[in-house]
C-alpha atoms as a PDB file:
ATOM      1  CA  MET A   1    -130.689 108.112 -60.433  1.00  0.00           C
ATOM      2  CA  LYS A   2    -129.443 111.627 -59.932  1.00  0.00           C
ATOM      3  CA  GLY A   3    -126.009 112.318 -58.533  1.00  0.00           C
ATOM      4  CA  HIS A   4    -127.098 113.918 -55.275  1.00  0.00           C
ATOM      5  CA  TYR A   5    -129.312 110.913 -54.418  1.00  0.00           C
ATOM      6  CA  PHE A   6    -126.363 108.638 -55.072  1.00  0.00           C
ATOM      7  CA  LYS A   7    -124.134 110.697 -52.762  1.00  0.00           C
ATOM      8  CA  ARG A   8    -126.784 110.638 -50.027  1.00  0.00           C
ATOM      9  CA  MET A   9    -127.089 106.868 -50.327  1.00  0.00           C
ATOM     10  CA  ILE A  10    -123.312 106.440 -50.002  1.00  0.00           C
ATOM     11  CA  ILE A  11    -123.250 108.789 -46.983  1.00  0.00           C
ATOM     12  CA  VAL A  12    -126.043 106.850 -45.269  1.00  0.00           C
ATOM     13  CA  LEU A  13    -124.248 103.550 -45.899  1.00  0.00           C
ATOM     14  CA  VAL A  14    -121.000 104.961 -44.479  1.00  0.00           C
ATOM     15  CA  ILE A  15    -122.815 106.292 -41.399  1.00  0.00           C
ATOM     16  CA  LEU A  16    -124.363 102.861 -40.794  1.00  0.00           C
ATOM     17  CA  ILE A  17    -120.941 101.230 -40.274  1.00  0.00           C
ATOM     18  CA  PRO A  18    -120.212 102.913 -36.893  1.00  0.00           C
ATOM     19  CA  ILE A  19    -123.822 102.337 -35.831  1.00  0.00           C
ATOM     20  CA  PHE A  20    -123.488  98.604 -36.504  1.00  0.00           C
ATOM     21  CA  TYR A  21    -120.102  98.602 -34.756  1.00  0.00           C
ATOM     22  CA  PHE A  22    -121.666 100.272 -31.715  1.00  0.00           C
ATOM     23  CA  GLY A  23    -124.315  97.518 -31.688  1.00  0.00           C
ATOM     24  CA  ILE A  24    -121.580  94.874 -31.660  1.00  0.00           C
ATOM     25  CA  PHE A  25    -119.739  96.709 -28.881  1.00  0.00           C
ATOM     26  CA  SER A  26    -122.950  97.004 -26.856  1.00  0.00           C
ATOM     27  CA  SER A  27    -123.690  93.299 -27.288  1.00  0.00           C
ATOM     28  CA  LYS A  28    -120.158  92.416 -26.167  1.00  0.00           C
ATOM     29  CA  VAL A  29    -120.568  94.531 -23.021  1.00  0.00           C
ATOM     30  CA  SER A  30    -123.920  92.858 -22.387  1.00  0.00           C
ATOM     31  CA  LEU A  31    -122.281  89.474 -22.963  1.00  0.00           C
ATOM     32  CA  GLN A  32    -119.740  90.280 -20.285  1.00  0.00           C
ATOM     33  CA  TYR A  33    -122.132  91.592 -17.624  1.00  0.00           C
ATOM     34  CA  GLU A  34    -125.439  89.798 -18.308  1.00  0.00           C
ATOM     35  CA  THR A  35    -124.218  86.196 -18.427  1.00  0.00           C
ATOM     36  CA  ASN A  36    -122.981  83.957 -15.639  1.00  0.00           C
ATOM     37  CA  ASN A  37    -120.250  82.048 -17.500  1.00  0.00           C
ATOM     38  CA  PRO A  38    -117.885  83.340 -20.191  1.00  0.00           C
ATOM     39  CA  GLY A  39    -119.158  80.672 -22.625  1.00  0.00           C
ATOM     40  CA  ASP A  40    -122.835  81.560 -22.215  1.00  0.00           C
ATOM     41  CA  CYS A  41    -124.574  83.513 -24.953  1.00  0.00           C
ATOM     42  CA  ILE A  42    -128.064  83.941 -23.486  1.00  0.00           C
ATOM     43  CA  SER A  43    -128.630  87.135 -21.496  1.00  0.00           C
ATOM     44  CA  GLN A  44    -130.018  86.640 -17.993  1.00  0.00           C
ATOM     45  CA  LEU A  45    -131.915  89.944 -18.209  1.00  0.00           C
ATOM     46  CA  THR A  46    -133.478  89.891 -21.658  1.00  0.00           C
ATOM     47  CA  GLY A  47    -133.192  86.250 -22.716  1.00  0.00           C
ATOM     48  CA  ARG A  48    -131.645  87.268 -26.062  1.00  0.00           C
ATOM     49  CA  ASN A  49    -128.872  85.336 -27.742  1.00  0.00           C
ATOM     50  CA  LEU A  50    -126.069  87.904 -27.592  1.00  0.00           C
ATOM     51  CA  CYS A  51    -123.641  85.841 -29.699  1.00  0.00           C
ATOM     52  CA  GLN A  52    -126.201  85.800 -32.498  1.00  0.00           C
ATOM     53  CA  ASP A  53    -126.616  89.580 -32.212  1.00  0.00           C
ATOM     54  CA  ILE A  54    -122.841  90.023 -32.541  1.00  0.00           C
ATOM     55  CA  GLU A  55    -122.740  87.770 -35.617  1.00  0.00           C
ATOM     56  CA  HIS A  56    -125.632  89.663 -37.218  1.00  0.00           C
ATOM     57  CA  GLY A  57    -123.823  92.958 -36.617  1.00  0.00           C
ATOM     58  CA  LYS A  58    -120.706  91.622 -38.321  1.00  0.00           C
ATOM     59  CA  ILE A  59    -122.756  90.399 -41.279  1.00  0.00           C
ATOM     60  CA  PHE A  60    -124.478  93.800 -41.568  1.00  0.00           C
ATOM     61  CA  ILE A  61    -121.102  95.572 -41.657  1.00  0.00           C
ATOM     62  CA  ILE A  62    -119.812  93.221 -44.369  1.00  0.00           C
ATOM     63  CA  ILE A  63    -122.966  93.688 -46.461  1.00  0.00           C
ATOM     64  CA  ASP A  64    -122.717  97.452 -45.992  1.00  0.00           C
ATOM     65  CA  ILE A  65    -119.108  97.540 -47.174  1.00  0.00           C
ATOM     66  CA  VAL A  66    -119.885  95.298 -50.153  1.00  0.00           C
ATOM     67  CA  LEU A  67    -122.777  97.584 -51.136  1.00  0.00           C
ATOM     68  CA  ILE A  68    -120.558 100.663 -50.911  1.00  0.00           C
ATOM     69  CA  VAL A  69    -117.875  99.033 -53.072  1.00  0.00           C
ATOM     70  CA  LEU A  70    -120.400  97.816 -55.657  1.00  0.00           C
ATOM     71  CA  LEU A  71    -122.093 101.197 -55.821  1.00  0.00           C
ATOM     72  CA  MET A  72    -118.765 102.929 -56.318  1.00  0.00           C
ATOM     73  CA  LEU A  73    -117.716 100.448 -59.003  1.00  0.00           C
ATOM     74  CA  PHE A  74    -120.944 100.863 -60.974  1.00  0.00           C
ATOM     75  CA  ARG A  75    -121.343 104.581 -60.291  1.00  0.00           C
ATOM     76  CA  LYS A  76    -121.184 105.535 -63.980  1.00  0.00           C
ATOM     77  CA  LYS A  77    -123.989 103.116 -64.878  1.00  0.00           C
ATOM     78  CA  ILE A  78    -126.182 104.069 -61.915  1.00  0.00           C
ATOM     79  CA  VAL A  79    -125.882 107.842 -61.991  1.00  0.00           C
ATOM     80  CA  ARG A  80    -127.663 109.568 -64.849  1.00  0.00           C
ATOM     81  CA  ASP A  81    -127.308 113.303 -65.226  1.00  0.00           C
END
């Protein structure tokens, strides 16, 4: 892989972190306003499980960070000039 493709991949992975965080934030706002009780997870408007969406967002952020760290650790083996 060439160096500029590697840099683009790292940039895309870094940009995904705030996008996933915004998804978690949006789901938390929906959890507050679209459910009747604080313990409920199912949206009254869409029928989606908002707690599951929040958990998936957290998992995506963790996977994203792990990928960034692994790519940076093995940069010399991945990047070929």
